[in-house]
Amino acid sequence: MTRLASAFAKGHPALVTFITAGDGDTAANLDALVEGGADVIELGMPFTDPMADGPAIQAANLRSLGKGTTTADIFAIAAAFRQRHPQVPLVLMGYANPMVRRGPEWFAAEAAKAGVDGVICVDIPPEEDEALGPALRAAGVAPIRLATPTTDAARLPAVLEGSSGFLYYVSVAGITGKQQAALASIEENVARLKAATDLPVAVGFGVRTPAQAAEIARVADGAVVGSALVELIGQYGAQAPDHVRRLTASLAEAVHRAGNMSLGSSLRA
């Protein structure tokens, strides 16, 4: 069983967390996520034009790029993380340019060498899978796809084809960190997605608090939290790891407990 599969097979929904590579003390913040109980970690690759991201992650990208963070630095961060945490899934998330500019085979090989479990590329649509997907699959790295509220029944098979690890459901038609979709809409769409795939479905965009994450965890296989953690890193700098650890612990408790509550409700029904 892969690390990603194991993370979604713990008997409770998974807490998926996101921070930006090169922003603050990334190694210490990654360790804080693990210590707080994150089940899966997404590591953002800074990019000059992060079109899907809101102000918090945009600012983190600029801070990281201002320090001169390179793709080689990101792989070094990932490799060091893998040495410290051999069982925790690590996913790279970002945009196509840094992933394909040296060739998809190079990127996939470096990701595999660094112990990366999956890659989310925001701006390569499934119809253009050949740009990166075959190289990732050949290297044993999961191409993780995004589904949105506008992913209809006609397009969903293309999204699912060749995808692995988990399916990331973007709950709002907008940018990260700005608003949250109504729970009824999320529940309806998650049910629709789960009827079409055996992949775990994790829900993100607009999930900021333990209460919001718990609501998601009652209807999905995982809840994704990014902007709230990234804001702590921007606000507290070198002191951020303690704050990241505390928020992650609160989120993990809420997500894991919500899954148990949902199971109990289904058993009583």
Foldseek 3Di string as FASTA:
>chain_A
DALLVVLLPPLFFFAEEEAEPQQFPVLLQVVLLVLLPHQAYEYEYQDQCQPQADDLVNVSSVNRVVVVDAPVNVLVSLLVVCVVPVRGAYEYEEAVCNCQVVHLLVNLQSCLVSVHAEYEHPPQDLVNCVSHLVSNVVSNHFYEFEDELPCDPVNVVSRPVSGDSAHEYEDDPGHAPDAGDDLVSLLVVQVVNVVVDVGFYEYGGHQAALVSQLSRRLRGRYYYHYSNLSVLCVVPRNPSSVVSNVRSNSNNVSRRVSRVVSVVVVVVD
